[in-house]
Amino acid sequence: MHLSLVCLAKPVLYGYFRSSCSWRVRIAFALKGIEYDQVPVNLIKDGGQQHTELFGAVNPMKQVPAVKIDGVTLCQSLAVIQYIEETRPGPRLLPADPKTRAKVRMISDLIASGIQPVQNLSVLQKLGEDKAQWAQHFIDRGFQALEPILKETAGKYCVGDEISMADCCLVPQVYNAERFKVDLEQFPTIKRLNQTLLEMEAFKVSHPSRQPDTPPDLQA
């Protein structure tokens, strides 16, 4: 009975409106139709609320997202997405076929481990005036690898014609690319997929411009 009550409780997402990792989780929740509560963690204010002792007790890495769900606290966006995939009904985010599933994980990891970390806020804050050029360089380099992969795997979405965890990762990374003025014309597959996905309701409601902690001047 206790476990059942725990599972009925809404998940709680600790995140930041413009965090691409938080956005991945918001997209996945939206695709699965999962209602959840949000606890904003401002990564800029007062030197970053993620560095407080209070949030450190939630996630010792002092990064967002962190999610309290089913009586456990999970951090790392792909771990959260895979957990809800394994425990919640709704559209599949990981395909049943092993080879196709491996492609989804490959693309997700390429973005989440190979591109995003080197332009993460904690890295950029160490770079001073060179941060925009740094971020642009590493996103561009990552997209040079991602584009030919997606050209081979994509249908309507990143891998074939079914939405997946890879799509949850792609759109937030393109958003960052646009922030840092990466030329997307050289990546036609990435650009096409991003435009298609942004038309979906799950990507609209989870967008950084529509979050509880979005500053007024950035709201849609």
Protein backbone atom coordinates (compact mmCIF):
# COMPACT_ATOMS: atom_id res chain seq x y z
CA MET A 1 0.00 0.00 0.00
CA HIS A 2 2.81 2.42 0.93
CA LEU A 3 4.57 1.83 -2.40
CA SER A 4 1.32 2.39 -4.29
CA LEU A 5 0.77 5.72 -2.54
CA VAL A 6 4.33 6.77 -3.33
CA CYS A 7 3.80 5.96 -7.01
CA LEU A 8 0.62 8.05 -7.08
CA ALA A 9 2.45 11.17 -5.91
CA LYS A 10 3.42 13.65 -8.61
CA PRO A 11 7.09 13.64 -9.58
CA VAL A 12 8.96 16.80 -8.60
CA LEU A 13 11.42 18.28 -11.10
CA TYR A 14 14.19 20.52 -9.82
CA GLY A 15 15.30 22.45 -12.87
CA TYR A 16 16.02 25.73 -14.59
CA PHE A 17 14.00 27.13 -17.48
CA ARG A 18 16.97 27.37 -19.88
CA SER A 19 18.80 24.22 -18.79
CA SER A 20 18.88 21.91 -21.78
CA CYS A 21 19.15 18.90 -19.49
CA SER A 22 16.03 19.98 -17.59
CA TRP A 23 14.25 20.57 -20.88
CA ARG A 24 14.95 17.00 -22.01
CA VAL A 25 13.10 15.72 -18.95
CA ARG A 26 10.22 18.18 -19.43
CA ILE A 27 9.81 16.94 -23.01
CA ALA A 28 9.77 13.32 -21.89
CA PHE A 29 7.19 14.04 -19.17
CA ALA A 30 5.03 15.83 -21.73
CA LEU A 31 5.30 13.04 -24.29
CA LYS A 32 4.32 10.49 -21.65
CA GLY A 33 1.49 12.67 -20.34
CA ILE A 34 2.98 12.74 -16.83
CA GLU A 35 1.86 15.55 -14.53
CA TYR A 36 4.62 16.87 -12.31
CA ASP A 37 5.53 19.75 -10.02
CA GLN A 38 8.50 22.04 -10.56
CA VAL A 39 10.95 23.52 -8.10
CA PRO A 40 12.97 26.18 -9.95
CA VAL A 41 16.68 26.30 -9.22
CA ASN A 42 18.11 29.59 -10.51
CA LEU A 43 21.59 28.82 -11.87
CA ILE A 44 22.55 32.50 -11.96
CA LYS A 45 20.96 34.25 -8.97
CA ASP A 46 23.12 34.73 -5.87
CA GLY A 47 26.00 32.88 -7.50
CA GLY A 48 23.76 29.96 -8.41
CA GLN A 49 21.15 28.35 -6.20
CA GLN A 50 22.48 24.94 -7.22
CA HIS A 51 25.43 25.59 -4.92
CA THR A 52 23.33 25.94 -1.79
CA GLU A 53 23.48 23.36 0.96
CA LEU A 54 19.74 22.81 0.53
CA PHE A 55 20.03 21.77 -3.11
CA GLY A 56 23.25 19.89 -2.47
CA ALA A 57 21.23 17.57 -0.28
CA VAL A 58 19.01 16.83 -3.29
CA ASN A 59 21.85 16.39 -5.80
CA PRO A 60 25.42 16.29 -4.49
CA MET A 61 26.68 17.15 -8.01
CA LYS A 62 24.83 20.46 -7.64
CA GLN A 63 23.45 20.27 -11.17
CA VAL A 64 19.96 20.24 -12.64
CA PRO A 65 17.84 18.36 -13.28
CA ALA A 66 17.03 16.28 -10.26
CA VAL A 67 13.73 14.45 -10.02
CA LYS A 68 11.98 13.04 -6.98
CA ILE A 69 9.81 10.19 -8.20
CA ASP A 70 8.38 7.01 -6.67
CA GLY A 71 10.23 7.61 -3.43
CA VAL A 72 13.67 8.00 -5.00
CA THR A 73 15.70 10.97 -6.20
CA LEU A 74 17.27 10.67 -9.64
CA CYS A 75 19.70 12.99 -11.35
CA GLN A 76 21.14 12.92 -14.89
CA SER A 77 18.51 13.53 -17.52
CA LEU A 78 18.95 10.30 -19.49
CA ALA A 79 18.67 8.20 -16.34
CA VAL A 80 15.40 9.99 -15.52
CA ILE A 81 14.02 9.52 -19.04
CA GLN A 82 14.93 5.84 -19.08
CA TYR A 83 13.33 5.35 -15.66
CA ILE A 84 10.00 6.82 -16.74
CA GLU A 85 10.23 4.80 -19.95
CA GLU A 86 10.50 1.64 -17.86
CA THR A 87 7.82 2.56 -15.32
CA ARG A 88 5.19 4.61 -17.17
CA PRO A 89 2.86 3.90 -20.08
CA GLY A 90 2.56 6.15 -23.10
CA PRO A 91 4.56 6.53 -26.29
CA ARG A 92 7.79 4.54 -26.40
CA LEU A 93 10.91 6.66 -26.03
CA LEU A 94 13.20 3.67 -26.56
CA PRO A 95 12.36 1.36 -29.48
CA ALA A 96 11.77 -2.35 -28.94
CA ASP A 97 14.26 -3.41 -31.62
CA PRO A 98 17.79 -3.66 -30.09
CA LYS A 99 19.61 -2.12 -33.04
CA THR A 100 17.19 0.78 -33.33
CA ARG A 101 17.28 1.28 -29.56
CA ALA A 102 21.08 1.37 -29.69
CA LYS A 103 20.93 4.10 -32.35
CA VAL A 104 18.64 6.17 -30.11
CA ARG A 105 21.03 5.78 -27.19
CA MET A 106 24.04 6.57 -29.39
CA ILE A 107 22.54 9.87 -30.57
CA SER A 108 21.34 10.75 -27.08
CA ASP A 109 24.78 10.11 -25.60
CA LEU A 110 26.53 11.98 -28.40
CA ILE A 111 24.54 15.06 -27.44
CA ALA A 112 24.36 14.58 -23.68
CA SER A 113 27.97 13.48 -23.21
CA GLY A 114 29.80 14.69 -26.31
CA ILE A 115 28.38 18.16 -26.99
CA GLN A 116 26.44 19.66 -24.10
CA PRO A 117 28.94 19.27 -21.22
CA VAL A 118 31.66 21.40 -22.85
CA GLN A 119 29.25 24.34 -23.21
CA ASN A 120 27.61 23.84 -19.83
CA LEU A 121 27.24 26.91 -17.60
CA SER A 122 29.85 25.71 -15.10
CA VAL A 123 32.40 25.47 -17.93
CA LEU A 124 31.46 28.75 -19.60
CA GLN A 125 31.74 30.66 -16.32
CA LYS A 126 35.45 29.81 -16.24
CA LEU A 127 36.09 31.26 -19.70
CA GLY A 128 35.20 34.94 -19.32
CA GLU A 129 34.88 36.86 -22.57
CA ASP A 130 35.74 33.83 -24.72
CA LYS A 131 32.72 31.79 -23.63
CA ALA A 132 30.51 32.48 -26.68
CA GLN A 133 33.27 31.57 -29.13
CA TRP A 134 34.09 28.44 -27.08
CA ALA A 135 30.47 27.27 -27.01
CA GLN A 136 30.01 27.97 -30.71
CA HIS A 137 33.16 26.00 -31.57
CA PHE A 138 32.23 22.89 -29.63
CA ILE A 139 28.59 22.83 -30.68
CA ASP A 140 29.66 23.24 -34.30
CA ARG A 141 32.20 20.44 -33.93
CA GLY A 142 29.58 18.18 -32.37
CA PHE A 143 27.02 18.95 -35.06
CA GLN A 144 29.60 18.12 -37.74
CA ALA A 145 29.55 14.59 -36.33
CA LEU A 146 25.83 14.46 -35.58
CA GLU A 147 24.61 15.61 -39.00
CA PRO A 148 25.87 12.60 -41.04
CA ILE A 149 24.64 10.19 -38.34
CA LEU A 150 21.15 11.69 -38.43
CA LYS A 151 21.19 11.71 -42.21
CA GLU A 152 21.47 7.91 -42.00
CA THR A 153 19.07 7.27 -39.10
CA ALA A 154 16.36 9.89 -39.51
CA GLY A 155 12.90 9.54 -40.93
CA LYS A 156 10.36 12.01 -39.67
CA TYR A 157 12.26 12.05 -36.36
CA CYS A 158 15.85 11.37 -35.27
CA VAL A 159 15.54 7.60 -35.64
CA GLY A 160 12.90 6.56 -38.13
CA ASP A 161 9.33 7.74 -37.83
CA GLU A 162 8.80 7.20 -34.10
CA ILE A 163 9.56 9.83 -31.48
CA SER A 164 12.36 8.81 -29.10
CA MET A 165 14.75 9.90 -26.37
CA ALA A 166 17.07 11.16 -29.11
CA ASP A 167 14.48 13.79 -30.08
CA CYS A 168 14.24 14.86 -26.44
CA CYS A 169 17.98 15.57 -26.60
CA LEU A 170 18.18 17.17 -30.03
CA VAL A 171 15.82 20.12 -29.66
CA PRO A 172 17.38 21.60 -26.48
CA GLN A 173 20.81 21.33 -28.06
CA VAL A 174 19.65 23.17 -31.19
CA TYR A 175 18.21 25.86 -28.92
CA ASN A 176 21.68 26.28 -27.41
CA ALA A 177 23.22 26.34 -30.87
CA GLU A 178 20.92 29.20 -31.84
CA ARG A 179 21.75 31.06 -28.61
CA PHE A 180 25.44 30.91 -29.52
CA LYS A 181 24.82 31.77 -33.17
CA VAL A 182 25.90 28.50 -34.75
CA ASP A 183 25.15 28.50 -38.49
CA LEU A 184 22.46 25.82 -38.81
CA GLU A 185 22.30 26.11 -42.61
CA GLN A 186 25.27 23.75 -42.80
CA PHE A 187 23.26 21.10 -40.92
CA PRO A 188 20.09 20.60 -42.98
CA THR A 189 19.02 17.35 -41.32
CA ILE A 190 19.37 18.79 -37.82
CA LYS A 191 17.50 21.92 -38.88
CA ARG A 192 14.66 19.94 -40.49
CA LEU A 193 14.20 17.65 -37.50
CA ASN A 194 14.22 20.56 -35.07
CA GLN A 195 11.56 22.42 -37.05
CA THR A 196 9.35 19.32 -37.18
CA LEU A 197 9.69 18.61 -33.47
CA LEU A 198 9.00 22.18 -32.40
CA GLU A 199 5.55 21.88 -33.97
CA MET A 200 4.63 19.16 -31.47
CA GLU A 201 2.70 20.16 -28.36
CA ALA A 202 5.10 18.33 -26.01
CA PHE A 203 7.98 20.47 -27.25
CA LYS A 204 5.93 23.67 -27.09
CA VAL A 205 4.71 23.28 -23.50
CA SER A 206 8.17 22.30 -22.29
CA HIS A 207 9.93 25.17 -24.08
CA PRO A 208 12.12 27.50 -21.95
CA SER A 209 9.86 30.44 -22.84
CA ARG A 210 6.89 28.80 -21.10
CA GLN A 211 8.22 27.76 -17.70
CA PRO A 212 7.27 29.02 -14.22
CA ASP A 213 10.73 30.54 -13.75
CA THR A 214 11.04 32.08 -17.22
CA PRO A 215 11.88 35.80 -16.85
CA PRO A 216 9.10 38.07 -18.19
CA ASP A 217 11.23 39.38 -21.05
CA LEU A 218 11.82 35.82 -22.34
CA GLN A 219 8.26 34.53 -22.03
CA ALA A 220 6.41 33.49 -25.18
